[in-house]
Amino acid sequence: MTTTSHPAVERVAETLASHGLSPEIVWFDDAVTTAPLAADALGVEVGQIANSLVFTLDDEPILVLTSGAHRVDTDWLGAQLGGVIGRASKETVKEATGQVIGGVAPVGHPTPVRTIVDVDLAGYDEVWAAAGHAKTVFPTTFAELVRITGGTPHAVEPPLEAAP
């Protein structure tokens, strides 16, 4: 692991500090742009990785912080939120967050982004989120993610059907 600096990472650290948090931001030698890569690098379960995914909800950016253990069901979640979810372009991601795909943090954005926080993350005492760059992560908790993002806890995929 290496330590360096980057403007987006500095904004994330400043935003975390404004919320009374000062977690260690971990820098890796190589990018950890997927949940499995990040989990392997940290030695944690893939479900502990809080993927920051930017979508559009009726053409407005929306950030979905989802457990790395599963995928967002965009049709289902869009219906739950009363709109249509689409994939955000890399330009939309950069404009909305000030960060690039693969390193989008839950915070440190130019303006607040509506955020959904996957309730499955609540099942872990510690979760890890990107810190503004593809080589960075920081430890946090589900409750802290909800608090610092002003996010809405919500499932990101439909519940499993009960067995008959």
Protein backbone atom coordinates (compact mmCIF):
# COMPACT_ATOMS: atom_id res chain seq x y z
CA MET A 1 0.00 0.00 0.00
CA THR A 2 1.11 3.49 -0.75
CA THR A 3 0.24 6.97 0.49
CA THR A 4 -0.23 9.94 -1.77
CA SER A 5 -2.62 12.81 -2.34
CA HIS A 6 -5.34 13.75 -4.82
CA PRO A 7 -7.76 16.72 -4.84
CA ALA A 8 -10.89 14.51 -4.82
CA VAL A 9 -9.51 12.47 -1.91
CA GLU A 10 -8.71 15.66 -0.01
CA ARG A 11 -12.33 16.85 -0.53
CA VAL A 12 -13.59 13.51 0.80
CA ALA A 13 -11.34 13.79 3.88
CA GLU A 14 -12.50 17.37 4.48
CA THR A 15 -16.16 16.36 4.17
CA LEU A 16 -15.66 13.44 6.56
CA ALA A 17 -13.93 15.79 9.03
CA SER A 18 -16.86 18.22 8.80
CA HIS A 19 -19.02 15.34 10.05
CA GLY A 20 -16.65 14.63 12.94
CA LEU A 21 -14.98 11.65 11.30
CA SER A 22 -11.30 11.05 10.63
CA PRO A 23 -10.97 7.50 9.32
CA GLU A 24 -7.68 6.40 7.84
CA ILE A 25 -7.90 6.64 4.06
CA VAL A 26 -6.14 3.58 2.68
CA TRP A 27 -4.17 3.97 -0.55
CA PHE A 28 -3.45 0.88 -2.64
CA ASP A 29 -0.64 0.43 -5.16
CA ASP A 30 -3.20 -0.61 -7.79
CA ALA A 31 -6.77 0.45 -8.52
CA VAL A 32 -9.49 -1.48 -6.67
CA THR A 33 -12.39 -0.62 -8.97
CA THR A 34 -14.58 -3.63 -8.16
CA ALA A 35 -15.96 -4.95 -4.91
CA PRO A 36 -14.09 -8.28 -5.20
CA LEU A 37 -10.78 -6.48 -5.82
CA ALA A 38 -11.33 -4.17 -2.85
CA ALA A 39 -12.43 -7.02 -0.58
CA ASP A 40 -9.39 -9.11 -1.54
CA ALA A 41 -7.03 -6.18 -0.96
CA LEU A 42 -8.55 -5.50 2.47
CA GLY A 43 -9.09 -9.12 3.53
CA VAL A 44 -12.82 -8.57 4.15
CA GLU A 45 -16.07 -10.02 2.82
CA VAL A 46 -17.22 -8.64 -0.54
CA GLY A 47 -20.52 -7.65 1.13
CA GLN A 48 -18.60 -5.15 3.29
CA ILE A 49 -17.70 -3.09 0.25
CA ALA A 50 -20.07 -0.15 -0.27
CA ASN A 51 -20.11 0.30 -4.03
CA SER A 52 -20.89 3.89 -5.04
CA LEU A 53 -22.96 3.65 -8.19
CA VAL A 54 -24.29 6.74 -9.95
CA PHE A 55 -27.49 6.33 -11.93
CA THR A 56 -30.08 8.73 -13.21
CA LEU A 57 -33.60 8.76 -11.80
CA ASP A 58 -35.78 10.50 -14.36
CA ASP A 59 -32.63 12.21 -15.69
CA GLU A 60 -31.44 13.45 -12.26
CA PRO A 61 -28.25 11.93 -10.79
CA ILE A 62 -28.79 9.54 -7.91
CA LEU A 63 -26.09 7.78 -5.88
CA VAL A 64 -26.77 4.22 -4.77
CA LEU A 65 -24.44 2.84 -2.10
CA THR A 66 -24.87 -0.89 -2.45
CA SER A 67 -23.29 -3.90 -0.82
CA GLY A 68 -20.69 -5.50 -3.08
CA ALA A 69 -22.44 -8.83 -2.49
CA HIS A 70 -25.17 -8.12 -5.04
CA ARG A 71 -26.34 -5.94 -7.90
CA VAL A 72 -28.89 -3.13 -7.96
CA ASP A 73 -32.17 -4.16 -9.60
CA THR A 74 -32.69 -0.85 -11.41
CA ASP A 75 -36.18 -1.68 -12.69
CA TRP A 76 -37.39 -2.66 -9.22
CA LEU A 77 -35.65 0.20 -7.41
CA GLY A 78 -36.88 2.74 -9.96
CA ALA A 79 -40.44 1.55 -9.40
CA GLN A 80 -39.93 1.78 -5.61
CA LEU A 81 -38.67 5.37 -5.99
CA GLY A 82 -41.44 6.34 -8.41
CA GLY A 83 -39.36 6.80 -11.54
CA VAL A 84 -37.11 5.24 -14.12
CA ILE A 85 -33.48 4.49 -13.30
CA GLY A 86 -30.91 4.58 -16.07
CA ARG A 87 -27.13 4.27 -16.21
CA ALA A 88 -25.33 7.58 -15.81
CA SER A 89 -22.72 8.54 -18.38
CA LYS A 90 -19.14 9.04 -17.23
CA GLU A 91 -19.69 12.77 -17.82
CA THR A 92 -22.77 12.78 -15.57
CA VAL A 93 -20.85 10.90 -12.86
CA LYS A 94 -17.97 13.40 -13.00
CA GLU A 95 -20.31 16.42 -13.04
CA ALA A 96 -22.47 15.15 -10.15
CA THR A 97 -19.67 13.89 -7.90
CA GLY A 98 -16.48 15.61 -9.01
CA GLN A 99 -15.01 12.10 -9.11
CA VAL A 100 -14.53 9.45 -11.77
CA ILE A 101 -16.09 6.01 -12.12
CA GLY A 102 -14.15 3.46 -10.06
CA GLY A 103 -13.36 5.84 -7.23
CA VAL A 104 -16.64 7.62 -6.45
CA ALA A 105 -16.96 8.26 -2.72
CA PRO A 106 -20.22 8.64 -0.82
CA VAL A 107 -19.27 12.26 0.01
CA GLY A 108 -17.07 15.10 -1.23
CA HIS A 109 -19.33 16.08 -4.12
CA PRO A 110 -19.72 19.65 -5.45
CA THR A 111 -23.41 19.66 -4.43
CA PRO A 112 -25.52 17.13 -2.54
CA VAL A 113 -26.57 14.09 -4.58
CA ARG A 114 -29.72 12.17 -3.64
CA THR A 115 -28.40 8.99 -2.04
CA ILE A 116 -29.88 5.56 -1.39
CA VAL A 117 -27.99 3.39 1.13
CA ASP A 118 -28.46 -0.37 0.73
CA VAL A 119 -29.96 -1.78 3.93
CA ASP A 120 -27.86 -4.94 3.46
CA LEU A 121 -24.82 -2.91 4.55
CA ALA A 122 -26.39 -2.72 8.03
CA GLY A 123 -25.49 -6.38 8.51
CA TYR A 124 -21.79 -5.53 8.87
CA ASP A 125 -20.05 -3.81 11.79
CA GLU A 126 -17.62 -2.20 9.34
CA VAL A 127 -18.00 -1.34 5.69
CA TRP A 128 -15.52 0.15 3.25
CA ALA A 129 -16.21 2.89 0.72
CA ALA A 130 -14.17 4.53 -2.02
CA ALA A 131 -12.48 7.77 -0.99
CA GLY A 132 -12.56 9.72 -4.26
CA HIS A 133 -9.92 7.83 -6.25
CA ALA A 134 -9.78 4.27 -7.64
CA LYS A 135 -6.82 3.44 -5.35
CA THR A 136 -8.50 4.62 -2.12
CA VAL A 137 -10.99 3.36 0.46
CA PHE A 138 -11.99 4.26 4.00
CA PRO A 139 -13.71 2.33 6.78
CA THR A 140 -17.12 3.40 8.06
CA THR A 141 -20.44 1.96 9.20
CA PHE A 142 -23.92 1.75 7.73
CA ALA A 143 -25.21 4.31 10.26
CA GLU A 144 -22.37 6.71 9.43
CA LEU A 145 -23.03 6.35 5.69
CA VAL A 146 -26.68 7.26 6.20
CA ARG A 147 -25.75 10.19 8.44
CA ILE A 148 -22.94 11.72 6.37
CA THR A 149 -24.76 11.37 3.04
CA GLY A 150 -28.22 12.33 4.29
CA GLY A 151 -29.13 9.13 2.48
CA THR A 152 -32.27 7.05 2.59
CA PRO A 153 -31.88 3.44 3.77
CA HIS A 154 -33.60 1.22 1.22
CA ALA A 155 -33.31 -2.26 -0.30
CA VAL A 156 -31.76 -2.17 -3.78
CA GLU A 157 -33.25 -5.44 -4.96
CA PRO A 158 -36.59 -7.10 -4.25
CA PRO A 159 -36.83 -9.36 -1.20
CA LEU A 160 -36.54 -13.07 -1.88
CA GLU A 161 -39.91 -14.76 -2.24
CA ALA A 162 -40.90 -16.79 0.77
CA ALA A 163 -40.72 -20.51 0.13
CA PRO A 164 -44.15 -22.20 -0.07
